Structures are given as C-alpha cells and as structure tokens.
Amino acid sequence: MAEDTEVTEQTEFWMVCENGDIEPFDSYHGAYEALASAVKRDVEEHGEETARESGVIHPYGYTITVMRDGRDVTDDWTWNEPDKPLSMA
C-alpha cells in the first residue's frame, strides 16, 4: 500500500507592530481582526491623523507578515490574494 506523501504546509499570519512586537495567528481573518482592532484603539486614543502618521513603514504602524514553513511569503500572498490586504490604508 502506498504511503500518503502529500506535504502540508504550515501557514502563519504574524501581526507585526513597528516597535517589534509580533503576534502570531493561524488564520488571515484572525490576524486582520487583531490589526483592525489595534488601529481602531490607536485612533480612539490618539486621533486619526496621529495614529495614521505613527507608522514609518506602513500607515498606523501595523502590518501582517505571511510565513509558510518558516519562509516569508508575504509578497506571494499580496500577489495571489489582492482582496485580502495586509495593512490598513
């Protein structure tokens, strides 16, 4: 009998704050929900303009990095899933 040799890749979604904090999630939706919640909290606390300008690399200072089996595949995700943003615009 043949052994099942299918390789399943482990994908993680890291919500990354520009200060270096990383929070891992098993799903895109979980990571995006956390990102949206963090942005909302910052806007309520500091105002829209200050919160938006707080990020040096991305607006609001948060983004999602997509990791698959230890490799950063964020660029591939952006290309293949254009309807699933990885930061707030």
N, C-alpha and C. Protein backbone atom coordinates (compact mmCIF):
# COMPACT_ATOMS: atom_id res chain seq x y z
N MET A 1 0.84 -1.18 0.00
CA MET A 1 0.00 0.00 0.00
C MET A 1 0.89 1.25 0.00
N ALA A 2 0.56 2.21 -0.83
CA ALA A 2 1.35 3.44 -0.95
C ALA A 2 1.12 4.34 0.25
N GLU A 3 2.19 4.93 0.70
CA GLU A 3 2.12 5.87 1.82
C GLU A 3 1.69 7.24 1.31
N ASP A 4 0.90 7.92 2.09
CA ASP A 4 0.49 9.27 1.71
C ASP A 4 1.69 10.20 1.92
N THR A 5 2.22 10.73 0.83
CA THR A 5 3.41 11.57 0.91
C THR A 5 3.10 13.04 0.69
N GLU A 6 1.82 13.38 0.70
CA GLU A 6 1.45 14.78 0.49
C GLU A 6 2.04 15.65 1.61
N VAL A 7 2.66 16.72 1.21
CA VAL A 7 3.25 17.65 2.17
C VAL A 7 2.24 18.76 2.43
N THR A 8 1.91 18.96 3.68
CA THR A 8 1.03 20.07 4.02
C THR A 8 1.88 21.18 4.61
N GLU A 9 1.70 22.36 4.08
CA GLU A 9 2.49 23.50 4.52
C GLU A 9 1.78 24.21 5.67
N GLN A 10 2.56 24.62 6.64
CA GLN A 10 2.06 25.36 7.79
C GLN A 10 2.14 26.85 7.47
N THR A 11 1.00 27.53 7.50
CA THR A 11 0.97 28.96 7.23
C THR A 11 0.59 29.68 8.51
N GLU A 12 1.37 30.71 8.83
CA GLU A 12 1.08 31.56 9.97
C GLU A 12 0.98 33.00 9.48
N PHE A 13 0.16 33.75 10.17
CA PHE A 13 -0.02 35.16 9.86
C PHE A 13 0.42 35.94 11.10
N TRP A 14 1.46 36.75 10.94
CA TRP A 14 2.00 37.49 12.08
C TRP A 14 1.53 38.94 11.98
N MET A 15 0.82 39.40 13.01
CA MET A 15 0.53 40.82 13.08
C MET A 15 1.76 41.46 13.68
N VAL A 16 2.38 42.35 12.93
CA VAL A 16 3.65 42.95 13.33
C VAL A 16 3.45 44.43 13.59
N CYS A 17 3.91 44.86 14.75
CA CYS A 17 3.91 46.28 15.09
C CYS A 17 5.31 46.80 14.82
N GLU A 18 5.43 48.02 14.35
CA GLU A 18 6.74 48.55 14.00
C GLU A 18 7.70 48.63 15.19
N ASN A 19 7.18 48.51 16.40
CA ASN A 19 8.08 48.53 17.56
C ASN A 19 8.72 47.16 17.78
N GLY A 20 8.36 46.19 16.94
CA GLY A 20 8.97 44.87 17.02
C GLY A 20 8.08 43.80 17.61
N ASP A 21 6.96 44.17 18.19
CA ASP A 21 6.04 43.17 18.74
C ASP A 21 5.43 42.35 17.61
N ILE A 22 5.36 41.03 17.82
CA ILE A 22 4.77 40.12 16.84
C ILE A 22 3.75 39.25 17.55
N GLU A 23 2.56 39.14 16.96
CA GLU A 23 1.52 38.26 17.49
C GLU A 23 1.12 37.28 16.39
N PRO A 24 1.38 35.98 16.57
CA PRO A 24 1.08 35.00 15.52
C PRO A 24 -0.39 34.56 15.54
N PHE A 25 -0.91 34.27 14.36
CA PHE A 25 -2.28 33.77 14.19
C PHE A 25 -2.27 32.63 13.20
N ASP A 26 -3.22 31.71 13.34
CA ASP A 26 -3.34 30.58 12.43
C ASP A 26 -4.15 30.91 11.18
N SER A 27 -4.85 32.04 11.22
CA SER A 27 -5.68 32.39 10.07
C SER A 27 -5.51 33.86 9.70
N TYR A 28 -5.73 34.15 8.43
CA TYR A 28 -5.68 35.53 7.95
C TYR A 28 -6.71 36.37 8.68
N HIS A 29 -7.92 35.83 8.81
CA HIS A 29 -9.01 36.60 9.41
C HIS A 29 -8.71 36.98 10.86
N GLY A 30 -8.11 36.07 11.62
CA GLY A 30 -7.73 36.37 12.99
C GLY A 30 -6.70 37.48 13.06
N ALA A 31 -5.70 37.42 12.19
CA ALA A 31 -4.65 38.45 12.16
C ALA A 31 -5.21 39.79 11.72
N TYR A 32 -6.06 39.79 10.71
CA TYR A 32 -6.61 41.05 10.22
C TYR A 32 -7.55 41.67 11.25
N GLU A 33 -8.30 40.84 11.94
CA GLU A 33 -9.19 41.34 13.00
C GLU A 33 -8.36 42.00 14.12
N ALA A 34 -7.24 41.40 14.50
CA ALA A 34 -6.37 41.97 15.52
C ALA A 34 -5.75 43.28 15.03
N LEU A 35 -5.34 43.32 13.77
CA LEU A 35 -4.77 44.53 13.19
C LEU A 35 -5.81 45.65 13.19
N ALA A 36 -7.01 45.36 12.74
CA ALA A 36 -8.08 46.37 12.70
C ALA A 36 -8.42 46.86 14.10
N SER A 37 -8.42 45.97 15.06
CA SER A 37 -8.70 46.33 16.44
C SER A 37 -7.61 47.24 17.00
N ALA A 38 -6.35 46.94 16.71
CA ALA A 38 -5.23 47.77 17.18
C ALA A 38 -5.30 49.16 16.56
N VAL A 39 -5.61 49.23 15.29
CA VAL A 39 -5.72 50.53 14.62
C VAL A 39 -6.88 51.32 15.22
N LYS A 40 -8.01 50.67 15.41
CA LYS A 40 -9.18 51.34 15.99
C LYS A 40 -8.85 51.89 17.38
N ARG A 41 -8.17 51.08 18.18
CA ARG A 41 -7.78 51.52 19.52
C ARG A 41 -6.87 52.74 19.45
N ASP A 42 -5.89 52.71 18.55
CA ASP A 42 -4.96 53.84 18.41
C ASP A 42 -5.66 55.10 17.93
N VAL A 43 -6.60 54.95 17.01
CA VAL A 43 -7.36 56.11 16.51
C VAL A 43 -8.19 56.71 17.64
N GLU A 44 -8.85 55.86 18.42
CA GLU A 44 -9.65 56.36 19.54
C GLU A 44 -8.78 57.05 20.59
N GLU A 45 -7.58 56.52 20.80
CA GLU A 45 -6.68 57.04 21.84
C GLU A 45 -5.93 58.31 21.40
N HIS A 46 -5.51 58.35 20.13
CA HIS A 46 -4.63 59.43 19.68
C HIS A 46 -5.20 60.31 18.57
N GLY A 47 -6.33 59.94 18.01
CA GLY A 47 -6.89 60.66 16.88
C GLY A 47 -6.41 60.08 15.56
N GLU A 48 -7.21 60.27 14.53
CA GLU A 48 -6.95 59.67 13.21
C GLU A 48 -5.59 60.08 12.64
N GLU A 49 -5.32 61.36 12.58
CA GLU A 49 -4.10 61.82 11.94
C GLU A 49 -2.84 61.33 12.66
N THR A 50 -2.82 61.44 13.98
CA THR A 50 -1.66 60.99 14.75
C THR A 50 -1.46 59.49 14.61
N ALA A 51 -2.55 58.72 14.70
CA ALA A 51 -2.45 57.26 14.59
C ALA A 51 -1.96 56.86 13.20
N ARG A 52 -2.48 57.51 12.18
CA ARG A 52 -2.09 57.17 10.80
C ARG A 52 -0.62 57.48 10.56
N GLU A 53 -0.14 58.59 11.09
CA GLU A 53 1.23 59.02 10.85
C GLU A 53 2.23 58.35 11.78
N SER A 54 1.76 57.53 12.72
CA SER A 54 2.66 56.89 13.67
C SER A 54 3.51 55.80 13.03
N GLY A 55 3.07 55.29 11.90
CA GLY A 55 3.84 54.26 11.21
C GLY A 55 4.87 54.84 10.26
N VAL A 56 6.06 54.35 10.33
CA VAL A 56 7.12 54.80 9.43
C VAL A 56 7.06 54.00 8.13
N ILE A 57 6.86 52.68 8.25
CA ILE A 57 6.85 51.81 7.08
C ILE A 57 5.43 51.66 6.52
N HIS A 58 4.44 51.49 7.39
CA HIS A 58 3.05 51.31 6.98
C HIS A 58 2.18 52.31 7.73
N PRO A 59 1.10 52.77 7.10
CA PRO A 59 0.18 53.63 7.85
C PRO A 59 -0.26 52.93 9.13
N TYR A 60 -0.35 53.64 10.20
CA TYR A 60 -0.75 53.17 11.52
C TYR A 60 0.30 52.31 12.21
N GLY A 61 1.36 51.89 11.54
CA GLY A 61 2.43 51.15 12.19
C GLY A 61 2.21 49.67 12.38
N TYR A 62 1.20 49.10 11.73
CA TYR A 62 0.94 47.66 11.84
C TYR A 62 0.88 47.05 10.45
N THR A 63 1.27 45.80 10.36
CA THR A 63 1.14 45.06 9.12
C THR A 63 1.03 43.57 9.45
N ILE A 64 0.71 42.78 8.45
CA ILE A 64 0.66 41.32 8.61
C ILE A 64 1.75 40.73 7.72
N THR A 65 2.56 39.85 8.29
CA THR A 65 3.57 39.11 7.56
C THR A 65 3.08 37.67 7.44
N VAL A 66 3.16 37.12 6.24
CA VAL A 66 2.69 35.75 5.99
C VAL A 66 3.91 34.82 5.95
N MET A 67 3.90 33.83 6.83
CA MET A 67 5.00 32.87 6.92
C MET A 67 4.49 31.48 6.57
N ARG A 68 5.23 30.78 5.72
CA ARG A 68 4.87 29.41 5.37
C ARG A 68 6.09 28.53 5.58
N ASP A 69 5.96 27.59 6.50
CA ASP A 69 7.06 26.69 6.83
C ASP A 69 8.36 27.44 7.12
N GLY A 70 8.25 28.55 7.85
CA GLY A 70 9.42 29.32 8.24
C GLY A 70 9.93 30.30 7.20
N ARG A 71 9.30 30.36 6.04
CA ARG A 71 9.71 31.28 4.97
C ARG A 71 8.72 32.44 4.89
N ASP A 72 9.23 33.64 4.66
CA ASP A 72 8.38 34.81 4.48
C ASP A 72 7.82 34.78 3.06
N VAL A 73 6.51 34.59 2.94
CA VAL A 73 5.86 34.53 1.63
C VAL A 73 4.86 35.68 1.47
N THR A 74 5.14 36.78 2.15
CA THR A 74 4.23 37.94 2.12
C THR A 74 4.03 38.48 0.71
N ASP A 75 5.11 38.58 -0.07
CA ASP A 75 4.99 39.09 -1.44
C ASP A 75 4.11 38.17 -2.29
N ASP A 76 4.26 36.86 -2.14
CA ASP A 76 3.42 35.91 -2.87
C ASP A 76 1.96 36.08 -2.48
N TRP A 77 1.71 36.23 -1.17
CA TRP A 77 0.34 36.41 -0.68
C TRP A 77 -0.28 37.67 -1.30
N THR A 78 0.47 38.76 -1.29
CA THR A 78 -0.03 40.02 -1.83
C THR A 78 -0.41 39.88 -3.30
N TRP A 79 0.39 39.16 -4.03
CA TRP A 79 0.14 38.94 -5.45
C TRP A 79 -1.07 38.03 -5.67
N ASN A 80 -1.18 36.94 -4.91
CA ASN A 80 -2.22 35.93 -5.11
C ASN A 80 -3.53 36.22 -4.41
N GLU A 81 -3.50 37.08 -3.40
CA GLU A 81 -4.72 37.39 -2.63
C GLU A 81 -4.93 38.90 -2.54
N PRO A 82 -5.12 39.57 -3.68
CA PRO A 82 -5.21 41.03 -3.65
C PRO A 82 -6.42 41.55 -2.87
N ASP A 83 -7.43 40.71 -2.65
CA ASP A 83 -8.62 41.13 -1.91
C ASP A 83 -8.45 40.96 -0.40
N LYS A 84 -7.28 40.53 0.05
CA LYS A 84 -7.01 40.33 1.47
C LYS A 84 -5.79 41.17 1.87
N PRO A 85 -6.02 42.46 2.19
CA PRO A 85 -4.91 43.36 2.49
C PRO A 85 -4.14 42.97 3.75
N LEU A 86 -2.88 43.37 3.78
CA LEU A 86 -2.01 43.03 4.91
C LEU A 86 -1.68 44.24 5.78
N SER A 87 -2.29 45.37 5.47
CA SER A 87 -2.15 46.55 6.31
C SER A 87 -3.37 47.45 6.07
N MET A 88 -3.51 48.44 6.93
CA MET A 88 -4.61 49.39 6.77
C MET A 88 -4.11 50.53 5.90
N ALA A 89 -4.93 50.93 4.96
CA ALA A 89 -4.54 52.01 4.05
C ALA A 89 -5.03 53.34 4.55
